Amino acid sequence: IPALADRAYQGAGPWVTTGRKRPPGRELTPTRRTVNRALSQARAPVERGMAILKSWRVFRKARVSPNRMTSIAAAVLTLERQR
């Protein structure tokens, strides 16, 4: 499954798309800057969703199976999206 990730995951595999790091002593080309910006914009909703999930107490104190937490996470993200 293809995935978008931040630059810390460079080299994680061919299915992981990451932005480009600035070469030492040089700047990124305008094209690479634009690509990095587009990747960041695509990842932003997911990053925000994860931050919201981490702030909900139910996820910090949960003592249920991971399968059940998946359903709870889907419900929470649906509620947040409707807000």
PDB file of N, CA and C in Angstrom:
ATOM      1  N   ILE A   1       0.858  -1.176   0.000  1.00  0.00           N
ATOM      2  CA  ILE A   1       0.000   0.000   0.000  1.00  0.00           C
ATOM      3  C   ILE A   1       0.895   1.227   0.000  1.00  0.00           C
ATOM      4  N   PRO A   2       0.753   2.101  -0.982  1.00  0.00           N
ATOM      5  CA  PRO A   2       1.550   3.336  -0.990  1.00  0.00           C
ATOM      6  C   PRO A   2       1.213   4.216   0.213  1.00  0.00           C
ATOM      7  N   ALA A   3       2.206   4.903   0.733  1.00  0.00           N
ATOM      8  CA  ALA A   3       2.001   5.758   1.900  1.00  0.00           C
ATOM      9  C   ALA A   3       2.769   7.064   1.730  1.00  0.00           C
ATOM     10  N   LEU A   4       2.214   8.130   2.302  1.00  0.00           N
ATOM     11  CA  LEU A   4       2.902   9.419   2.357  1.00  0.00           C
ATOM     12  C   LEU A   4       3.501   9.549   3.743  1.00  0.00           C
ATOM     13  N   ALA A   5       4.742   9.979   3.822  1.00  0.00           N
ATOM     14  CA  ALA A   5       5.407  10.108   5.118  1.00  0.00           C
ATOM     15  C   ALA A   5       6.250  11.378   5.133  1.00  0.00           C
ATOM     16  N   ASP A   6       6.681  11.763   6.344  1.00  0.00           N
ATOM     17  CA  ASP A   6       7.552  12.934   6.411  1.00  0.00           C
ATOM     18  C   ASP A   6       8.984  12.531   6.070  1.00  0.00           C
ATOM     19  N   ARG A   7       9.859  13.519   6.021  1.00  0.00           N
ATOM     20  CA  ARG A   7      11.225  13.273   5.548  1.00  0.00           C
ATOM     21  C   ARG A   7      12.035  12.359   6.448  1.00  0.00           C
ATOM     22  N   ALA A   8      11.588  12.140   7.663  1.00  0.00           N
ATOM     23  CA  ALA A   8      12.320  11.243   8.554  1.00  0.00           C
ATOM     24  C   ALA A   8      12.267   9.793   8.063  1.00  0.00           C
ATOM     25  N   TYR A   9      11.327   9.483   7.190  1.00  0.00           N
ATOM     26  CA  TYR A   9      11.163   8.113   6.714  1.00  0.00           C
ATOM     27  C   TYR A   9      11.809   7.870   5.361  1.00  0.00           C
ATOM     28  N   GLN A  10      12.704   8.737   4.931  1.00  0.00           N
ATOM     29  CA  GLN A  10      13.389   8.505   3.659  1.00  0.00           C
ATOM     30  C   GLN A  10      14.128   7.180   3.719  1.00  0.00           C
ATOM     31  N   GLY A  11      14.021   6.416   2.643  1.00  0.00           N
ATOM     32  CA  GLY A  11      14.683   5.118   2.582  1.00  0.00           C
ATOM     33  C   GLY A  11      13.871   4.002   3.203  1.00  0.00           C
ATOM     34  N   ALA A  12      12.623   4.265   3.581  1.00  0.00           N
ATOM     35  CA  ALA A  12      11.794   3.241   4.219  1.00  0.00           C
ATOM     36  C   ALA A  12      11.299   2.206   3.218  1.00  0.00           C
ATOM     37  N   GLY A  13      11.394   2.496   1.963  1.00  0.00           N
ATOM     38  CA  GLY A  13      10.977   1.530   0.953  1.00  0.00           C
ATOM     39  C   GLY A  13      10.379   2.229  -0.249  1.00  0.00           C
ATOM     40  N   PRO A  14      10.201   1.489  -1.331  1.00  0.00           N
ATOM     41  CA  PRO A  14       9.703   2.106  -2.563  1.00  0.00           C
ATOM     42  C   PRO A  14       8.237   2.532  -2.479  1.00  0.00           C
ATOM     43  N   TRP A  15       7.487   1.993  -1.556  1.00  0.00           N
ATOM     44  CA  TRP A  15       6.070   2.317  -1.424  1.00  0.00           C
ATOM     45  C   TRP A  15       5.834   3.536  -0.533  1.00  0.00           C
ATOM     46  N   VAL A  16       6.880   4.069   0.081  1.00  0.00           N
ATOM     47  CA  VAL A  16       6.756   5.233   0.965  1.00  0.00           C
ATOM     48  C   VAL A  16       7.239   6.473   0.223  1.00  0.00           C
ATOM     49  N   THR A  17       6.336   7.442   0.040  1.00  0.00           N
ATOM     50  CA  THR A  17       6.679   8.687  -0.631  1.00  0.00           C
ATOM     51  C   THR A  17       7.009   9.740   0.421  1.00  0.00           C
ATOM     52  N   THR A  18       8.192  10.307   0.317  1.00  0.00           N
ATOM     53  CA  THR A  18       8.621  11.337   1.264  1.00  0.00           C
ATOM     54  C   THR A  18       9.083  12.572   0.500  1.00  0.00           C
ATOM     55  N   GLY A  19       9.163  13.679   1.206  1.00  0.00           N
ATOM     56  CA  GLY A  19       9.714  14.885   0.617  1.00  0.00           C
ATOM     57  C   GLY A  19      11.219  14.772   0.482  1.00  0.00           C
ATOM     58  N   ARG A  20      11.802  15.739  -0.158  1.00  0.00           N
ATOM     59  CA  ARG A  20      13.253  15.749  -0.333  1.00  0.00           C
ATOM     60  C   ARG A  20      13.899  16.645   0.707  1.00  0.00           C
ATOM     61  N   LYS A  21      15.031  16.207   1.234  1.00  0.00           N
ATOM     62  CA  LYS A  21      15.806  17.032   2.154  1.00  0.00           C
ATOM     63  C   LYS A  21      16.702  17.970   1.359  1.00  0.00           C
ATOM     64  N   ARG A  22      17.027  19.091   1.959  1.00  0.00           N
ATOM     65  CA  ARG A  22      17.925  20.056   1.336  1.00  0.00           C
ATOM     66  C   ARG A  22      19.334  19.468   1.314  1.00  0.00           C
ATOM     67  N   PRO A  23      20.000  19.493   0.163  1.00  0.00           N
ATOM     68  CA  PRO A  23      21.380  19.010   0.116  1.00  0.00           C
ATOM     69  C   PRO A  23      22.282  19.909   0.972  1.00  0.00           C
ATOM     70  N   PRO A  24      23.309  19.354   1.581  1.00  0.00           N
ATOM     71  CA  PRO A  24      24.208  20.169   2.412  1.00  0.00           C
ATOM     72  C   PRO A  24      24.807  21.332   1.627  1.00  0.00           C
ATOM     73  N   GLY A  25      24.653  22.538   2.152  1.00  0.00           N
ATOM     74  CA  GLY A  25      25.242  23.718   1.535  1.00  0.00           C
ATOM     75  C   GLY A  25      24.515  24.244   0.316  1.00  0.00           C
ATOM     76  N   ARG A  26      23.374  23.640  -0.022  1.00  0.00           N
ATOM     77  CA  ARG A  26      22.626  24.095  -1.197  1.00  0.00           C
ATOM     78  C   ARG A  26      21.151  24.234  -0.849  1.00  0.00           C
ATOM     79  N   GLU A  27      20.403  24.801  -1.776  1.00  0.00           N
ATOM     80  CA  GLU A  27      18.964  24.967  -1.605  1.00  0.00           C
ATOM     81  C   GLU A  27      18.221  23.964  -2.483  1.00  0.00           C
ATOM     82  N   LEU A  28      16.958  23.716  -2.141  1.00  0.00           N
ATOM     83  CA  LEU A  28      16.121  22.873  -2.992  1.00  0.00           C
ATOM     84  C   LEU A  28      15.714  23.652  -4.231  1.00  0.00           C
ATOM     85  N   THR A  29      15.505  22.934  -5.316  1.00  0.00           N
ATOM     86  CA  THR A  29      15.012  23.582  -6.528  1.00  0.00           C
ATOM     87  C   THR A  29      13.553  23.983  -6.305  1.00  0.00           C
ATOM     88  N   PRO A  30      13.065  24.953  -7.053  1.00  0.00           N
ATOM     89  CA  PRO A  30      11.654  25.347  -6.902  1.00  0.00           C
ATOM     90  C   PRO A  30      10.684  24.187  -7.125  1.00  0.00           C
ATOM     91  N   THR A  31      11.004  23.302  -8.043  1.00  0.00           N
ATOM     92  CA  THR A  31      10.137  22.144  -8.298  1.00  0.00           C
ATOM     93  C   THR A  31      10.069  21.230  -7.083  1.00  0.00           C
ATOM     94  N   ARG A  32      11.214  20.931  -6.487  1.00  0.00           N
ATOM     95  CA  ARG A  32      11.234  20.059  -5.306  1.00  0.00           C
ATOM     96  C   ARG A  32      10.553  20.727  -4.119  1.00  0.00           C
ATOM     97  N   ARG A  33      10.683  22.050  -3.990  1.00  0.00           N
ATOM     98  CA  ARG A  33       9.973  22.776  -2.924  1.00  0.00           C
ATOM     99  C   ARG A  33       8.465  22.643  -3.107  1.00  0.00           C
ATOM    100  N   THR A  34       8.014  22.750  -4.360  1.00  0.00           N
ATOM    101  CA  THR A  34       6.595  22.625  -4.656  1.00  0.00           C
ATOM    102  C   THR A  34       6.092  21.220  -4.346  1.00  0.00           C
ATOM    103  N   VAL A  35       6.880  20.206  -4.692  1.00  0.00           N
ATOM    104  CA  VAL A  35       6.510  18.824  -4.399  1.00  0.00           C
ATOM    105  C   VAL A  35       6.443  18.605  -2.880  1.00  0.00           C
ATOM    106  N   ASN A  36       7.419  19.116  -2.150  1.00  0.00           N
ATOM    107  CA  ASN A  36       7.407  18.988  -0.690  1.00  0.00           C
ATOM    108  C   ASN A  36       6.159  19.648  -0.098  1.00  0.00           C
ATOM    109  N   ARG A  37       5.816  20.817  -0.612  1.00  0.00           N
ATOM    110  CA  ARG A  37       4.644  21.544  -0.119  1.00  0.00           C
ATOM    111  C   ARG A  37       3.375  20.736  -0.399  1.00  0.00           C
ATOM    112  N   ALA A  38       3.265  20.152  -1.591  1.00  0.00           N
ATOM    113  CA  ALA A  38       2.085  19.355  -1.951  1.00  0.00           C
ATOM    114  C   ALA A  38       1.973  18.118  -1.055  1.00  0.00           C
ATOM    115  N   LEU A  39       3.093  17.461  -0.780  1.00  0.00           N
ATOM    116  CA  LEU A  39       3.073  16.300   0.111  1.00  0.00           C
ATOM    117  C   LEU A  39       2.653  16.701   1.523  1.00  0.00           C
ATOM    118  N   SER A  40       3.135  17.823   1.994  1.00  0.00           N
ATOM    119  CA  SER A  40       2.770  18.304   3.327  1.00  0.00           C
ATOM    120  C   SER A  40       1.283  18.611   3.406  1.00  0.00           C
ATOM    121  N   GLN A  41       0.739  19.219   2.373  1.00  0.00           N
ATOM    122  CA  GLN A  41      -0.685  19.529   2.359  1.00  0.00           C
ATOM    123  C   GLN A  41      -1.530  18.263   2.323  1.00  0.00           C
ATOM    124  N   ALA A  42      -1.061  17.243   1.624  1.00  0.00           N
ATOM    125  CA  ALA A  42      -1.804  15.979   1.569  1.00  0.00           C
ATOM    126  C   ALA A  42      -1.756  15.248   2.917  1.00  0.00           C
ATOM    127  N   ARG A  43      -0.646  15.385   3.640  1.00  0.00           N
ATOM    128  CA  ARG A  43      -0.497  14.707   4.925  1.00  0.00           C
ATOM    129  C   ARG A  43      -1.147  15.458   6.081  1.00  0.00           C
ATOM    130  N   ALA A  44      -1.399  16.741   5.928  1.00  0.00           N
ATOM    131  CA  ALA A  44      -1.889  17.585   7.024  1.00  0.00           C
ATOM    132  C   ALA A  44      -3.177  17.067   7.678  1.00  0.00           C
ATOM    133  N   PRO A  45      -4.208  16.658   6.923  1.00  0.00           N
ATOM    134  CA  PRO A  45      -5.416  16.172   7.594  1.00  0.00           C
ATOM    135  C   PRO A  45      -5.172  14.925   8.442  1.00  0.00           C
ATOM    136  N   VAL A  46      -4.303  14.053   7.974  1.00  0.00           N
ATOM    137  CA  VAL A  46      -3.992  12.841   8.739  1.00  0.00           C
ATOM    138  C   VAL A  46      -3.239  13.194  10.010  1.00  0.00           C
ATOM    139  N   GLU A  47      -2.270  14.086   9.899  1.00  0.00           N
ATOM    140  CA  GLU A  47      -1.509  14.517  11.079  1.00  0.00           C
ATOM    141  C   GLU A  47      -2.433  15.156  12.106  1.00  0.00           C
ATOM    142  N   ARG A  48      -3.364  15.984  11.632  1.00  0.00           N
ATOM    143  CA  ARG A  48      -4.322  16.623  12.536  1.00  0.00           C
ATOM    144  C   ARG A  48      -5.213  15.584  13.198  1.00  0.00           C
ATOM    145  N   GLY A  49      -5.676  14.617  12.410  1.00  0.00           N
ATOM    146  CA  GLY A  49      -6.514  13.548  12.966  1.00  0.00           C
ATOM    147  C   GLY A  49      -5.797  12.764  14.049  1.00  0.00           C
ATOM    148  N   MET A  50      -4.534  12.459  13.816  1.00  0.00           N
ATOM    149  CA  MET A  50      -3.757  11.722  14.826  1.00  0.00           C
ATOM    150  C   MET A  50      -3.573  12.565  16.083  1.00  0.00           C
ATOM    151  N   ALA A  51      -3.342  13.864  15.924  1.00  0.00           N
ATOM    152  CA  ALA A  51      -3.192  14.742  17.085  1.00  0.00           C
ATOM    153  C   ALA A  51      -4.486  14.790  17.892  1.00  0.00           C
ATOM    154  N   ILE A  52      -5.618  14.829  17.200  1.00  0.00           N
ATOM    155  CA  ILE A  52      -6.905  14.837  17.894  1.00  0.00           C
ATOM    156  C   ILE A  52      -7.109  13.528  18.645  1.00  0.00           C
ATOM    157  N   LEU A  53      -6.797  12.412  17.981  1.00  0.00           N
ATOM    158  CA  LEU A  53      -6.966  11.113  18.643  1.00  0.00           C
ATOM    159  C   LEU A  53      -6.109  11.011  19.895  1.00  0.00           C
ATOM    160  N   LYS A  54      -4.885  11.516  19.826  1.00  0.00           N
ATOM    161  CA  LYS A  54      -3.991  11.446  20.981  1.00  0.00           C
ATOM    162  C   LYS A  54      -4.489  12.308  22.131  1.00  0.00           C
ATOM    163  N   SER A  55      -5.254  13.355  21.832  1.00  0.00           N
ATOM    164  CA  SER A  55      -5.739  14.229  22.894  1.00  0.00           C
ATOM    165  C   SER A  55      -6.984  13.679  23.590  1.00  0.00           C
ATOM    166  N   TRP A  56      -7.653  12.712  22.992  1.00  0.00           N
ATOM    167  CA  TRP A  56      -8.858  12.153  23.597  1.00  0.00           C
ATOM    168  C   TRP A  56      -8.452  11.177  24.699  1.00  0.00           C
ATOM    169  N   ARG A  57      -9.005  11.360  25.841  1.00  0.00           N
ATOM    170  CA  ARG A  57      -8.652  10.561  27.006  1.00  0.00           C
ATOM    171  C   ARG A  57      -8.927   9.071  26.801  1.00  0.00           C
ATOM    172  N   VAL A  58      -9.971   8.757  26.045  1.00  0.00           N
ATOM    173  CA  VAL A  58     -10.333   7.357  25.841  1.00  0.00           C
ATOM    174  C   VAL A  58      -9.171   6.571  25.228  1.00  0.00           C
ATOM    175  N   PHE A  59      -8.335   7.217  24.454  1.00  0.00           N
ATOM    176  CA  PHE A  59      -7.233   6.512  23.822  1.00  0.00           C
ATOM    177  C   PHE A  59      -6.012   6.396  24.725  1.00  0.00           C
ATOM    178  N   ARG A  60      -5.888   7.275  25.681  1.00  0.00           N
ATOM    179  CA  ARG A  60      -4.753   7.181  26.600  1.00  0.00           C
ATOM    180  C   ARG A  60      -4.991   6.165  27.694  1.00  0.00           C
ATOM    181  N   LYS A  61      -6.237   5.983  28.083  1.00  0.00           N
ATOM    182  CA  LYS A  61      -6.571   5.098  29.202  1.00  0.00           C
ATOM    183  C   LYS A  61      -7.254   3.803  28.756  1.00  0.00           C
ATOM    184  N   ALA A  62      -7.272   3.527  27.472  1.00  0.00           N
ATOM    185  CA  ALA A  62      -8.021   2.385  26.937  1.00  0.00           C
ATOM    186  C   ALA A  62      -7.418   1.055  27.384  1.00  0.00           C
ATOM    187  N   ARG A  63      -8.300   0.129  27.700  1.00  0.00           N
ATOM    188  CA  ARG A  63      -7.885  -1.221  28.068  1.00  0.00           C
ATOM    189  C   ARG A  63      -8.690  -2.254  27.280  1.00  0.00           C
ATOM    190  N   VAL A  64      -8.877  -1.960  25.987  1.00  0.00           N
ATOM    191  CA  VAL A  64      -9.628  -2.874  25.128  1.00  0.00           C
ATOM    192  C   VAL A  64      -8.707  -3.382  24.029  1.00  0.00           C
ATOM    193  N   SER A  65      -9.208  -4.348  23.276  1.00  0.00           N
ATOM    194  CA  SER A  65      -8.386  -4.931  22.218  1.00  0.00           C
ATOM    195  C   SER A  65      -8.128  -3.913  21.108  1.00  0.00           C
ATOM    196  N   PRO A  66      -7.013  -4.059  20.400  1.00  0.00           N
ATOM    197  CA  PRO A  66      -6.719  -3.144  19.284  1.00  0.00           C
ATOM    198  C   PRO A  66      -7.803  -3.157  18.204  1.00  0.00           C
ATOM    199  N   ASN A  67      -8.454  -4.301  17.997  1.00  0.00           N
ATOM    200  CA  ASN A  67      -9.521  -4.364  16.999  1.00  0.00           C
ATOM    201  C   ASN A  67     -10.676  -3.444  17.380  1.00  0.00           C
ATOM    202  N   ARG A  68     -11.008  -3.403  18.627  1.00  0.00           N
ATOM    203  CA  ARG A  68     -12.096  -2.538  19.094  1.00  0.00           C
ATOM    204  C   ARG A  68     -11.673  -1.066  19.026  1.00  0.00           C
ATOM    205  N   MET A  69     -10.416  -0.791  19.308  1.00  0.00           N
ATOM    206  CA  MET A  69      -9.932   0.592  19.247  1.00  0.00           C
ATOM    207  C   MET A  69     -10.014   1.138  17.819  1.00  0.00           C
ATOM    208  N   THR A  70      -9.850   0.278  16.820  1.00  0.00           N
ATOM    209  CA  THR A  70      -9.976   0.713  15.434  1.00  0.00           C
ATOM    210  C   THR A  70     -11.376   1.239  15.166  1.00  0.00           C
ATOM    211  N   SER A  71     -12.384   0.536  15.658  1.00  0.00           N
ATOM    212  CA  SER A  71     -13.768   0.983  15.486  1.00  0.00           C
ATOM    213  C   SER A  71     -14.016   2.285  16.234  1.00  0.00           C
ATOM    214  N   ILE A  72     -13.455   2.402  17.417  1.00  0.00           N
ATOM    215  CA  ILE A  72     -13.621   3.623  18.205  1.00  0.00           C
ATOM    216  C   ILE A  72     -12.935   4.793  17.499  1.00  0.00           C
ATOM    217  N   ALA A  73     -11.748   4.553  16.972  1.00  0.00           N
ATOM    218  CA  ALA A  73     -11.027   5.623  16.261  1.00  0.00           C
ATOM    219  C   ALA A  73     -11.811   6.082  15.038  1.00  0.00           C
ATOM    220  N   ALA A  74     -12.395   5.148  14.303  1.00  0.00           N
ATOM    221  CA  ALA A  74     -13.195   5.519  13.132  1.00  0.00           C
ATOM    222  C   ALA A  74     -14.391   6.367  13.547  1.00  0.00           C
ATOM    223  N   ALA A  75     -15.028   6.012  14.651  1.00  0.00           N
ATOM    224  CA  ALA A  75     -16.170   6.782  15.138  1.00  0.00           C
ATOM    225  C   ALA A  75     -15.751   8.181  15.548  1.00  0.00           C
ATOM    226  N   VAL A  76     -14.634   8.287  16.251  1.00  0.00           N
ATOM    227  CA  VAL A  76     -14.149   9.610  16.710  1.00  0.00           C
ATOM    228  C   VAL A  76     -13.808  10.497  15.522  1.00  0.00           C
ATOM    229  N   LEU A  77     -13.114   9.940  14.543  1.00  0.00           N
ATOM    230  CA  LEU A  77     -12.744  10.747  13.366  1.00  0.00           C
ATOM    231  C   LEU A  77     -13.985  11.168  12.576  1.00  0.00           C
ATOM    232  N   THR A  78     -15.009  10.312  12.524  1.00  0.00           N
ATOM    233  CA  THR A  78     -16.260  10.690  11.871  1.00  0.00           C
ATOM    234  C   THR A  78     -16.911  11.849  12.610  1.00  0.00           C
ATOM    235  N   LEU A  79     -16.942  11.767  13.931  1.00  0.00           N
ATOM    236  CA  LEU A  79     -17.529  12.851  14.727  1.00  0.00           C
ATOM    237  C   LEU A  79     -16.746  14.150  14.551  1.00  0.00           C
ATOM    238  N   GLU A  80     -15.426  14.066  14.532  1.00  0.00           N
ATOM    239  CA  GLU A  80     -14.606  15.254  14.357  1.00  0.00           C
ATOM    240  C   GLU A  80     -14.825  15.887  12.983  1.00  0.00           C
ATOM    241  N   ARG A  81     -14.977  15.057  11.983  1.00  0.00           N
ATOM    242  CA  ARG A  81     -15.175  15.567  10.635  1.00  0.00           C
ATOM    243  C   ARG A  81     -16.526  16.273  10.501  1.00  0.00           C
ATOM    244  N   GLN A  82     -17.505  15.836  11.283  1.00  0.00           N
ATOM    245  CA  GLN A  82     -18.835  16.444  11.247  1.00  0.00           C
ATOM    246  C   GLN A  82     -18.904  17.735  12.037  1.00  0.00           C
ATOM    247  N   ARG A  83     -17.912  17.978  12.879  1.00  0.00           N
ATOM    248  CA  ARG A  83     -17.912  19.172  13.730  1.00  0.00           C
ATOM    249  C   ARG A  83     -17.825  20.438  12.955  1.00  0.00           C
TER     250      ARG A  83
END
